[in-house]
Amino acid sequence: PTLQKSPALQRLSIQSLIAVFQRYAGKGGYNCTVSKTEFLSFMNTELAPFTKNQKDPSVFDRMMKKLDTNNDGQLDFSESLNLIGGLAMACHDSFLKPVLS
């Protein structure tokens, strides 16, 4: 896909990442992290196209544990970016396949 070539697009993307994280963080208390419940809400709402066919509910527990690098049972913004970065890389790779084929 052709994307707008503008620094403003990058800034908007960053602002969007922050806004979405803050929408979910703190609903259960501490507003700088996402709890397991908040993570599940985020996954099922914001990333529904990626999760709608998931048959194994334990996959979200495993994802949370893998992303939670400091093992505090919460995801901070940095930890959540690992998920977003991984998804972005997978999407990028899928966009490249038709171009490289």
PDB file of N, CA and C in Angstrom:
ATOM      1  N   PRO A   1       0.823  -1.199   0.000  1.00  0.00           N
ATOM      2  CA  PRO A   1       0.000   0.000   0.000  1.00  0.00           C
ATOM      3  C   PRO A   1       0.859   1.251   0.000  1.00  0.00           C
ATOM      4  N   THR A   2       0.350   2.267  -0.614  1.00  0.00           N
ATOM      5  CA  THR A   2       1.043   3.545  -0.649  1.00  0.00           C
ATOM      6  C   THR A   2       0.656   4.345   0.582  1.00  0.00           C
ATOM      7  N   LEU A   3       1.642   4.834   1.304  1.00  0.00           N
ATOM      8  CA  LEU A   3       1.395   5.619   2.507  1.00  0.00           C
ATOM      9  C   LEU A   3       1.820   7.057   2.293  1.00  0.00           C
ATOM     10  N   GLN A   4       1.165   7.942   2.982  1.00  0.00           N
ATOM     11  CA  GLN A   4       1.511   9.362   2.928  1.00  0.00           C
ATOM     12  C   GLN A   4       2.946   9.530   3.409  1.00  0.00           C
ATOM     13  N   LYS A   5       3.734  10.327   2.696  1.00  0.00           N
ATOM     14  CA  LYS A   5       5.115  10.561   3.092  1.00  0.00           C
ATOM     15  C   LYS A   5       5.172  11.890   3.824  1.00  0.00           C
ATOM     16  N   SER A   6       4.973  11.813   5.138  1.00  0.00           N
ATOM     17  CA  SER A   6       4.924  13.018   5.935  1.00  0.00           C
ATOM     18  C   SER A   6       5.342  12.696   7.367  1.00  0.00           C
ATOM     19  N   PRO A   7       6.170  13.556   7.965  1.00  0.00           N
ATOM     20  CA  PRO A   7       6.520  13.339   9.366  1.00  0.00           C
ATOM     21  C   PRO A   7       5.287  13.392  10.267  1.00  0.00           C
ATOM     22  N   ALA A   8       4.259  14.101   9.838  1.00  0.00           N
ATOM     23  CA  ALA A   8       3.046  14.191  10.647  1.00  0.00           C
ATOM     24  C   ALA A   8       2.395  12.821  10.820  1.00  0.00           C
ATOM     25  N   LEU A   9       2.475  11.976   9.820  1.00  0.00           N
ATOM     26  CA  LEU A   9       1.907  10.635   9.907  1.00  0.00           C
ATOM     27  C   LEU A   9       2.582   9.837  11.019  1.00  0.00           C
ATOM     28  N   GLN A  10       3.894   9.964  11.125  1.00  0.00           N
ATOM     29  CA  GLN A  10       4.625   9.266  12.179  1.00  0.00           C
ATOM     30  C   GLN A  10       4.201   9.773  13.559  1.00  0.00           C
ATOM     31  N   ARG A  11       4.084  11.082  13.705  1.00  0.00           N
ATOM     32  CA  ARG A  11       3.657  11.665  14.977  1.00  0.00           C
ATOM     33  C   ARG A  11       2.251  11.203  15.341  1.00  0.00           C
ATOM     34  N   LEU A  12       1.361  11.177  14.381  1.00  0.00           N
ATOM     35  CA  LEU A  12      -0.007  10.715  14.628  1.00  0.00           C
ATOM     36  C   LEU A  12      -0.026   9.250  15.048  1.00  0.00           C
ATOM     37  N   SER A  13       0.829   8.454  14.450  1.00  0.00           N
ATOM     38  CA  SER A  13       0.919   7.040  14.814  1.00  0.00           C
ATOM     39  C   SER A  13       1.361   6.883  16.264  1.00  0.00           C
ATOM     40  N   ILE A  14       2.350   7.650  16.656  1.00  0.00           N
ATOM     41  CA  ILE A  14       2.842   7.588  18.042  1.00  0.00           C
ATOM     42  C   ILE A  14       1.764   8.065  19.005  1.00  0.00           C
ATOM     43  N   GLN A  15       1.114   9.168  18.670  1.00  0.00           N
ATOM     44  CA  GLN A  15       0.031   9.677  19.524  1.00  0.00           C
ATOM     45  C   GLN A  15      -1.090   8.649  19.657  1.00  0.00           C
ATOM     46  N   SER A  16      -1.381   7.975  18.572  1.00  0.00           N
ATOM     47  CA  SER A  16      -2.422   6.954  18.591  1.00  0.00           C
ATOM     48  C   SER A  16      -2.034   5.781  19.496  1.00  0.00           C
ATOM     49  N   LEU A  17      -0.799   5.328  19.405  1.00  0.00           N
ATOM     50  CA  LEU A  17      -0.329   4.245  20.271  1.00  0.00           C
ATOM     51  C   LEU A  17      -0.478   4.616  21.749  1.00  0.00           C
ATOM     52  N   ILE A  18      -0.090   5.827  22.077  1.00  0.00           N
ATOM     53  CA  ILE A  18      -0.179   6.294  23.465  1.00  0.00           C
ATOM     54  C   ILE A  18      -1.635   6.390  23.903  1.00  0.00           C
ATOM     55  N   ALA A  19      -2.482   6.969  23.061  1.00  0.00           N
ATOM     56  CA  ALA A  19      -3.894   7.156  23.406  1.00  0.00           C
ATOM     57  C   ALA A  19      -4.599   5.820  23.636  1.00  0.00           C
ATOM     58  N   VAL A  20      -4.322   4.848  22.775  1.00  0.00           N
ATOM     59  CA  VAL A  20      -4.968   3.541  22.925  1.00  0.00           C
ATOM     60  C   VAL A  20      -4.478   2.863  24.201  1.00  0.00           C
ATOM     61  N   PHE A  21      -3.186   2.935  24.480  1.00  0.00           N
ATOM     62  CA  PHE A  21      -2.673   2.337  25.716  1.00  0.00           C
ATOM     63  C   PHE A  21      -3.353   2.977  26.930  1.00  0.00           C
ATOM     64  N   GLN A  22      -3.436   4.285  26.936  1.00  0.00           N
ATOM     65  CA  GLN A  22      -4.033   4.991  28.071  1.00  0.00           C
ATOM     66  C   GLN A  22      -5.535   4.719  28.209  1.00  0.00           C
ATOM     67  N   ARG A  23      -6.197   4.403  27.114  1.00  0.00           N
ATOM     68  CA  ARG A  23      -7.624   4.069  27.160  1.00  0.00           C
ATOM     69  C   ARG A  23      -7.855   2.818  27.998  1.00  0.00           C
ATOM     70  N   TYR A  24      -6.922   1.879  27.963  1.00  0.00           N
ATOM     71  CA  TYR A  24      -7.081   0.610  28.676  1.00  0.00           C
ATOM     72  C   TYR A  24      -6.353   0.585  30.019  1.00  0.00           C
ATOM     73  N   ALA A  25      -5.266   1.313  30.132  1.00  0.00           N
ATOM     74  CA  ALA A  25      -4.469   1.287  31.361  1.00  0.00           C
ATOM     75  C   ALA A  25      -5.228   1.951  32.502  1.00  0.00           C
ATOM     76  N   GLY A  26      -5.170   1.331  33.650  1.00  0.00           N
ATOM     77  CA  GLY A  26      -5.682   1.960  34.848  1.00  0.00           C
ATOM     78  C   GLY A  26      -7.150   1.768  35.133  1.00  0.00           C
ATOM     79  N   LYS A  27      -7.866   1.072  34.285  1.00  0.00           N
ATOM     80  CA  LYS A  27      -9.281   0.843  34.582  1.00  0.00           C
ATOM     81  C   LYS A  27      -9.431   0.055  35.879  1.00  0.00           C
ATOM     82  N   GLY A  28      -8.425  -0.769  36.171  1.00  0.00           N
ATOM     83  CA  GLY A  28      -8.478  -1.569  37.383  1.00  0.00           C
ATOM     84  C   GLY A  28      -7.633  -1.005  38.511  1.00  0.00           C
ATOM     85  N   GLY A  29      -7.121   0.200  38.378  1.00  0.00           N
ATOM     86  CA  GLY A  29      -6.312   0.777  39.441  1.00  0.00           C
ATOM     87  C   GLY A  29      -5.191   1.644  38.931  1.00  0.00           C
ATOM     88  N   TYR A  30      -3.986   1.089  38.842  1.00  0.00           N
ATOM     89  CA  TYR A  30      -2.787   1.840  38.482  1.00  0.00           C
ATOM     90  C   TYR A  30      -2.835   2.236  37.010  1.00  0.00           C
ATOM     91  N   ASN A  31      -2.742   3.530  36.720  1.00  0.00           N
ATOM     92  CA  ASN A  31      -2.983   4.013  35.353  1.00  0.00           C
ATOM     93  C   ASN A  31      -1.769   4.000  34.432  1.00  0.00           C
ATOM     94  N   CYS A  32      -0.679   3.396  34.852  1.00  0.00           N
ATOM     95  CA  CYS A  32       0.501   3.325  33.982  1.00  0.00           C
ATOM     96  C   CYS A  32       0.741   1.915  33.468  1.00  0.00           C
ATOM     97  N   THR A  33      -0.143   1.007  33.815  1.00  0.00           N
ATOM     98  CA  THR A  33       0.002  -0.377  33.365  1.00  0.00           C
ATOM     99  C   THR A  33      -1.361  -0.937  32.965  1.00  0.00           C
ATOM    100  N   VAL A  34      -1.306  -2.047  32.238  1.00  0.00           N
ATOM    101  CA  VAL A  34      -2.496  -2.765  31.815  1.00  0.00           C
ATOM    102  C   VAL A  34      -2.526  -4.096  32.557  1.00  0.00           C
ATOM    103  N   SER A  35      -3.625  -4.356  33.251  1.00  0.00           N
ATOM    104  CA  SER A  35      -3.792  -5.624  33.959  1.00  0.00           C
ATOM    105  C   SER A  35      -4.174  -6.727  32.966  1.00  0.00           C
ATOM    106  N   LYS A  36      -4.263  -7.937  33.448  1.00  0.00           N
ATOM    107  CA  LYS A  36      -4.661  -9.048  32.589  1.00  0.00           C
ATOM    108  C   LYS A  36      -6.065  -8.803  32.021  1.00  0.00           C
ATOM    109  N   THR A  37      -6.981  -8.349  32.843  1.00  0.00           N
ATOM    110  CA  THR A  37      -8.347  -8.059  32.391  1.00  0.00           C
ATOM    111  C   THR A  37      -8.344  -6.962  31.342  1.00  0.00           C
ATOM    112  N   GLU A  38      -7.561  -5.906  31.575  1.00  0.00           N
ATOM    113  CA  GLU A  38      -7.456  -4.808  30.617  1.00  0.00           C
ATOM    114  C   GLU A  38      -6.801  -5.278  29.314  1.00  0.00           C
ATOM    115  N   PHE A  39      -5.824  -6.159  29.438  1.00  0.00           N
ATOM    116  CA  PHE A  39      -5.158  -6.722  28.262  1.00  0.00           C
ATOM    117  C   PHE A  39      -6.156  -7.510  27.414  1.00  0.00           C
ATOM    118  N   LEU A  40      -6.970  -8.336  28.054  1.00  0.00           N
ATOM    119  CA  LEU A  40      -7.969  -9.114  27.323  1.00  0.00           C
ATOM    120  C   LEU A  40      -8.972  -8.198  26.632  1.00  0.00           C
ATOM    121  N   SER A  41      -9.384  -7.148  27.312  1.00  0.00           N
ATOM    122  CA  SER A  41     -10.296  -6.175  26.714  1.00  0.00           C
ATOM    123  C   SER A  41      -9.653  -5.514  25.499  1.00  0.00           C
ATOM    124  N   PHE A  42      -8.397  -5.115  25.644  1.00  0.00           N
ATOM    125  CA  PHE A  42      -7.642  -4.518  24.542  1.00  0.00           C
ATOM    126  C   PHE A  42      -7.568  -5.472  23.349  1.00  0.00           C
ATOM    127  N   MET A  43      -7.190  -6.711  23.609  1.00  0.00           N
ATOM    128  CA  MET A  43      -7.030  -7.692  22.535  1.00  0.00           C
ATOM    129  C   MET A  43      -8.350  -7.932  21.808  1.00  0.00           C
ATOM    130  N   ASN A  44      -9.431  -8.073  22.561  1.00  0.00           N
ATOM    131  CA  ASN A  44     -10.728  -8.393  21.965  1.00  0.00           C
ATOM    132  C   ASN A  44     -11.404  -7.198  21.314  1.00  0.00           C
ATOM    133  N   THR A  45     -10.959  -5.999  21.646  1.00  0.00           N
ATOM    134  CA  THR A  45     -11.555  -4.798  21.059  1.00  0.00           C
ATOM    135  C   THR A  45     -10.676  -4.227  19.954  1.00  0.00           C
ATOM    136  N   GLU A  46      -9.459  -3.877  20.308  1.00  0.00           N
ATOM    137  CA  GLU A  46      -8.562  -3.202  19.360  1.00  0.00           C
ATOM    138  C   GLU A  46      -7.972  -4.152  18.323  1.00  0.00           C
ATOM    139  N   LEU A  47      -7.757  -5.384  18.713  1.00  0.00           N
ATOM    140  CA  LEU A  47      -7.105  -6.335  17.810  1.00  0.00           C
ATOM    141  C   LEU A  47      -8.020  -7.496  17.446  1.00  0.00           C
ATOM    142  N   ALA A  48      -9.321  -7.240  17.435  1.00  0.00           N
ATOM    143  CA  ALA A  48     -10.305  -8.289  17.156  1.00  0.00           C
ATOM    144  C   ALA A  48     -10.034  -9.044  15.851  1.00  0.00           C
ATOM    145  N   PRO A  49      -9.614  -8.372  14.772  1.00  0.00           N
ATOM    146  CA  PRO A  49      -9.338  -9.139  13.550  1.00  0.00           C
ATOM    147  C   PRO A  49      -8.242 -10.199  13.732  1.00  0.00           C
ATOM    148  N   PHE A  50      -7.328  -9.965  14.668  1.00  0.00           N
ATOM    149  CA  PHE A  50      -6.251 -10.918  14.914  1.00  0.00           C
ATOM    150  C   PHE A  50      -6.673 -12.012  15.894  1.00  0.00           C
ATOM    151  N   THR A  51      -7.713 -11.740  16.696  1.00  0.00           N
ATOM    152  CA  THR A  51      -8.064 -12.660  17.775  1.00  0.00           C
ATOM    153  C   THR A  51      -9.393 -13.367  17.600  1.00  0.00           C
ATOM    154  N   LYS A  52     -10.213 -12.935  16.647  1.00  0.00           N
ATOM    155  CA  LYS A  52     -11.587 -13.448  16.553  1.00  0.00           C
ATOM    156  C   LYS A  52     -11.665 -14.950  16.307  1.00  0.00           C
ATOM    157  N   ASN A  53     -10.687 -15.538  15.663  1.00  0.00           N
ATOM    158  CA  ASN A  53     -10.721 -16.974  15.383  1.00  0.00           C
ATOM    159  C   ASN A  53      -9.931 -17.804  16.393  1.00  0.00           C
ATOM    160  N   GLN A  54      -9.474 -17.164  17.455  1.00  0.00           N
ATOM    161  CA  GLN A  54      -8.685 -17.861  18.467  1.00  0.00           C
ATOM    162  C   GLN A  54      -9.585 -18.791  19.270  1.00  0.00           C
ATOM    163  N   LYS A  55      -9.276 -20.075  19.217  1.00  0.00           N
ATOM    164  CA  LYS A  55     -10.096 -21.082  19.905  1.00  0.00           C
ATOM    165  C   LYS A  55      -9.539 -21.426  21.290  1.00  0.00           C
ATOM    166  N   ASP A  56      -8.278 -21.155  21.520  1.00  0.00           N
ATOM    167  CA  ASP A  56      -7.618 -21.515  22.775  1.00  0.00           C
ATOM    168  C   ASP A  56      -7.512 -20.288  23.675  1.00  0.00           C
ATOM    169  N   PRO A  57      -8.380 -20.187  24.697  1.00  0.00           N
ATOM    170  CA  PRO A  57      -8.345 -18.999  25.560  1.00  0.00           C
ATOM    171  C   PRO A  57      -7.035 -18.845  26.342  1.00  0.00           C
ATOM    172  N   SER A  58      -6.293 -19.915  26.520  1.00  0.00           N
ATOM    173  CA  SER A  58      -5.040 -19.816  27.271  1.00  0.00           C
ATOM    174  C   SER A  58      -3.946 -19.101  26.478  1.00  0.00           C
ATOM    175  N   VAL A  59      -4.151 -18.918  25.167  1.00  0.00           N
ATOM    176  CA  VAL A  59      -3.142 -18.238  24.368  1.00  0.00           C
ATOM    177  C   VAL A  59      -2.930 -16.803  24.877  1.00  0.00           C
ATOM    178  N   PHE A  60      -3.979 -16.158  25.363  1.00  0.00           N
ATOM    179  CA  PHE A  60      -3.847 -14.789  25.875  1.00  0.00           C
ATOM    180  C   PHE A  60      -3.062 -14.763  27.182  1.00  0.00           C
ATOM    181  N   ASP A  61      -3.239 -15.789  27.998  1.00  0.00           N
ATOM    182  CA  ASP A  61      -2.432 -15.897  29.225  1.00  0.00           C
ATOM    183  C   ASP A  61      -0.959 -16.047  28.877  1.00  0.00           C
ATOM    184  N   ARG A  62      -0.675 -16.889  27.899  1.00  0.00           N
ATOM    185  CA  ARG A  62       0.714 -17.099  27.486  1.00  0.00           C
ATOM    186  C   ARG A  62       1.305 -15.828  26.881  1.00  0.00           C
ATOM    187  N   MET A  63       0.508 -15.119  26.083  1.00  0.00           N
ATOM    188  CA  MET A  63       0.980 -13.855  25.506  1.00  0.00           C
ATOM    189  C   MET A  63       1.313 -12.858  26.605  1.00  0.00           C
ATOM    190  N   MET A  64       0.402 -12.740  27.564  1.00  0.00           N
ATOM    191  CA  MET A  64       0.600 -11.793  28.668  1.00  0.00           C
ATOM    192  C   MET A  64       1.889 -12.132  29.420  1.00  0.00           C
ATOM    193  N   LYS A  65       2.087 -13.410  29.711  1.00  0.00           N
ATOM    194  CA  LYS A  65       3.291 -13.829  30.444  1.00  0.00           C
ATOM    195  C   LYS A  65       4.556 -13.535  29.647  1.00  0.00           C
ATOM    196  N   LYS A  66       4.495 -13.760  28.346  1.00  0.00           N
ATOM    197  CA  LYS A  66       5.673 -13.514  27.507  1.00  0.00           C
ATOM    198  C   LYS A  66       5.977 -12.019  27.407  1.00  0.00           C
ATOM    199  N   LEU A  67       4.943 -11.204  27.294  1.00  0.00           N
ATOM    200  CA  LEU A  67       5.132  -9.755  27.184  1.00  0.00           C
ATOM    201  C   LEU A  67       5.555  -9.117  28.502  1.00  0.00           C
ATOM    202  N   ASP A  68       5.131  -9.704  29.621  1.00  0.00           N
ATOM    203  CA  ASP A  68       5.399  -9.155  30.955  1.00  0.00           C
ATOM    204  C   ASP A  68       6.833  -9.489  31.374  1.00  0.00           C
ATOM    205  N   THR A  69       7.782  -8.749  30.834  1.00  0.00           N
ATOM    206  CA  THR A  69       9.199  -9.075  31.020  1.00  0.00           C
ATOM    207  C   THR A  69       9.694  -8.874  32.453  1.00  0.00           C
ATOM    208  N   ASN A  70       9.026  -8.024  33.240  1.00  0.00           N
ATOM    209  CA  ASN A  70       9.459  -7.854  34.629  1.00  0.00           C
ATOM    210  C   ASN A  70       8.627  -8.696  35.596  1.00  0.00           C
ATOM    211  N   ASN A  71       7.734  -9.514  35.055  1.00  0.00           N
ATOM    212  CA  ASN A  71       6.943 -10.480  35.838  1.00  0.00           C
ATOM    213  C   ASN A  71       6.150  -9.859  36.976  1.00  0.00           C
ATOM    214  N   ASP A  72       5.577  -8.671  36.750  1.00  0.00           N
ATOM    215  CA  ASP A  72       4.766  -8.053  37.799  1.00  0.00           C
ATOM    216  C   ASP A  72       3.267  -8.257  37.594  1.00  0.00           C
ATOM    217  N   GLY A  73       2.894  -9.025  36.563  1.00  0.00           N
ATOM    218  CA  GLY A  73       1.491  -9.295  36.304  1.00  0.00           C
ATOM    219  C   GLY A  73       0.765  -8.156  35.593  1.00  0.00           C
ATOM    220  N   GLN A  74       1.510  -7.165  35.161  1.00  0.00           N
ATOM    221  CA  GLN A  74       0.964  -6.000  34.465  1.00  0.00           C
ATOM    222  C   GLN A  74       1.822  -5.743  33.227  1.00  0.00           C
ATOM    223  N   LEU A  75       1.254  -5.037  32.252  1.00  0.00           N
ATOM    224  CA  LEU A  75       2.044  -4.608  31.099  1.00  0.00           C
ATOM    225  C   LEU A  75       2.182  -3.101  31.140  1.00  0.00           C
ATOM    226  N   ASP A  76       3.428  -2.623  31.152  1.00  0.00           N
ATOM    227  CA  ASP A  76       3.624  -1.178  31.038  1.00  0.00           C
ATOM    228  C   ASP A  76       3.679  -0.832  29.553  1.00  0.00           C
ATOM    229  N   PHE A  77       3.809   0.446  29.260  1.00  0.00           N
ATOM    230  CA  PHE A  77       3.769   0.889  27.862  1.00  0.00           C
ATOM    231  C   PHE A  77       4.861   0.221  27.035  1.00  0.00           C
ATOM    232  N   SER A  78       6.054   0.151  27.578  1.00  0.00           N
ATOM    233  CA  SER A  78       7.174  -0.457  26.866  1.00  0.00           C
ATOM    234  C   SER A  78       6.894  -1.926  26.545  1.00  0.00           C
ATOM    235  N   GLU A  79       6.374  -2.659  27.513  1.00  0.00           N
ATOM    236  CA  GLU A  79       6.066  -4.068  27.289  1.00  0.00           C
ATOM    237  C   GLU A  79       4.961  -4.223  26.237  1.00  0.00           C
ATOM    238  N   SER A  80       3.991  -3.333  26.257  1.00  0.00           N
ATOM    239  CA  SER A  80       2.903  -3.425  25.280  1.00  0.00           C
ATOM    240  C   SER A  80       3.401  -3.144  23.863  1.00  0.00           C
ATOM    241  N   LEU A  81       4.437  -2.330  23.751  1.00  0.00           N
ATOM    242  CA  LEU A  81       4.983  -2.035  22.423  1.00  0.00           C
ATOM    243  C   LEU A  81       5.612  -3.267  21.777  1.00  0.00           C
ATOM    244  N   ASN A  82       6.049  -4.227  22.591  1.00  0.00           N
ATOM    245  CA  ASN A  82       6.588  -5.471  22.023  1.00  0.00           C
ATOM    246  C   ASN A  82       5.514  -6.204  21.233  1.00  0.00           C
ATOM    247  N   LEU A  83       4.284  -6.194  21.734  1.00  0.00           N
ATOM    248  CA  LEU A  83       3.176  -6.809  21.010  1.00  0.00           C
ATOM    249  C   LEU A  83       2.894  -6.049  19.723  1.00  0.00           C
ATOM    250  N   ILE A  84       2.775  -4.745  19.822  1.00  0.00           N
ATOM    251  CA  ILE A  84       2.469  -3.919  18.653  1.00  0.00           C
ATOM    252  C   ILE A  84       3.580  -4.037  17.607  1.00  0.00           C
ATOM    253  N   GLY A  85       4.818  -4.017  18.075  1.00  0.00           N
ATOM    254  CA  GLY A  85       5.951  -4.157  17.145  1.00  0.00           C
ATOM    255  C   GLY A  85       5.936  -5.495  16.428  1.00  0.00           C
ATOM    256  N   GLY A  86       5.634  -6.555  17.162  1.00  0.00           N
ATOM    257  CA  GLY A  86       5.558  -7.880  16.544  1.00  0.00           C
ATOM    258  C   GLY A  86       4.451  -7.967  15.512  1.00  0.00           C
ATOM    259  N   LEU A  87       3.306  -7.404  15.839  1.00  0.00           N
ATOM    260  CA  LEU A  87       2.199  -7.396  14.883  1.00  0.00           C
ATOM    261  C   LEU A  87       2.537  -6.556  13.659  1.00  0.00           C
ATOM    262  N   ALA A  88       3.172  -5.414  13.894  1.00  0.00           N
ATOM    263  CA  ALA A  88       3.557  -4.543  12.771  1.00  0.00           C
ATOM    264  C   ALA A  88       4.542  -5.265  11.856  1.00  0.00           C
ATOM    265  N   MET A  89       5.487  -5.984  12.435  1.00  0.00           N
ATOM    266  CA  MET A  89       6.461  -6.725  11.619  1.00  0.00           C
ATOM    267  C   MET A  89       5.769  -7.816  10.806  1.00  0.00           C
ATOM    268  N   ALA A  90       4.813  -8.520  11.424  1.00  0.00           N
ATOM    269  CA  ALA A  90       4.089  -9.569  10.708  1.00  0.00           C
ATOM    270  C   ALA A  90       3.269  -8.973   9.561  1.00  0.00           C
ATOM    271  N   CYS A  91       2.619  -7.851   9.814  1.00  0.00           N
ATOM    272  CA  CYS A  91       1.851  -7.183   8.755  1.00  0.00           C
ATOM    273  C   CYS A  91       2.767  -6.694   7.640  1.00  0.00           C
ATOM    274  N   HIS A  92       3.897  -6.125   8.020  1.00  0.00           N
ATOM    275  CA  HIS A  92       4.861  -5.646   7.025  1.00  0.00           C
ATOM    276  C   HIS A  92       5.319  -6.791   6.138  1.00  0.00           C
ATOM    277  N   ASP A  93       5.637  -7.920   6.770  1.00  0.00           N
ATOM    278  CA  ASP A  93       6.078  -9.086   6.003  1.00  0.00           C
ATOM    279  C   ASP A  93       4.990  -9.562   5.050  1.00  0.00           C
ATOM    280  N   SER A  94       3.728  -9.518   5.501  1.00  0.00           N
ATOM    281  CA  SER A  94       2.643  -9.975   4.623  1.00  0.00           C
ATOM    282  C   SER A  94       2.433  -9.006   3.456  1.00  0.00           C
ATOM    283  N   PHE A  95       2.711  -7.705   3.664  1.00  0.00           N
ATOM    284  CA  PHE A  95       2.618  -6.742   2.570  1.00  0.00           C
ATOM    285  C   PHE A  95       3.738  -6.961   1.553  1.00  0.00           C
ATOM    286  N   LEU A  96       4.897  -7.409   2.032  1.00  0.00           N
ATOM    287  CA  LEU A  96       6.034  -7.607   1.139  1.00  0.00           C
ATOM    288  C   LEU A  96       5.916  -8.860   0.275  1.00  0.00           C
ATOM    289  N   LYS A  97       5.219  -9.873   0.763  1.00  0.00           N
ATOM    290  CA  LYS A  97       5.131 -11.138   0.022  1.00  0.00           C
ATOM    291  C   LYS A  97       4.654 -10.949  -1.412  1.00  0.00           C
ATOM    292  N   PRO A  98       3.544 -10.218  -1.649  1.00  0.00           N
ATOM    293  CA  PRO A  98       3.122 -10.042  -3.049  1.00  0.00           C
ATOM    294  C   PRO A  98       4.142  -9.249  -3.878  1.00  0.00           C
ATOM    295  N   VAL A  99       4.834  -8.319  -3.242  1.00  0.00           N
ATOM    296  CA  VAL A  99       5.806  -7.492  -3.960  1.00  0.00           C
ATOM    297  C   VAL A  99       7.020  -8.312  -4.354  1.00  0.00           C
ATOM    298  N   LEU A 100       7.449  -9.199  -3.465  1.00  0.00           N
ATOM    299  CA  LEU A 100       8.648  -9.993  -3.713  1.00  0.00           C
ATOM    300  C   LEU A 100       8.378 -11.232  -4.556  1.00  0.00           C
ATOM    301  N   SER A 101       7.128 -11.599  -4.699  1.00  0.00           N
ATOM    302  CA  SER A 101       6.781 -12.815  -5.465  1.00  0.00           C
ATOM    303  C   SER A 101       6.786 -12.575  -6.947  1.00  0.00           C
TER     304      SER A 101
END
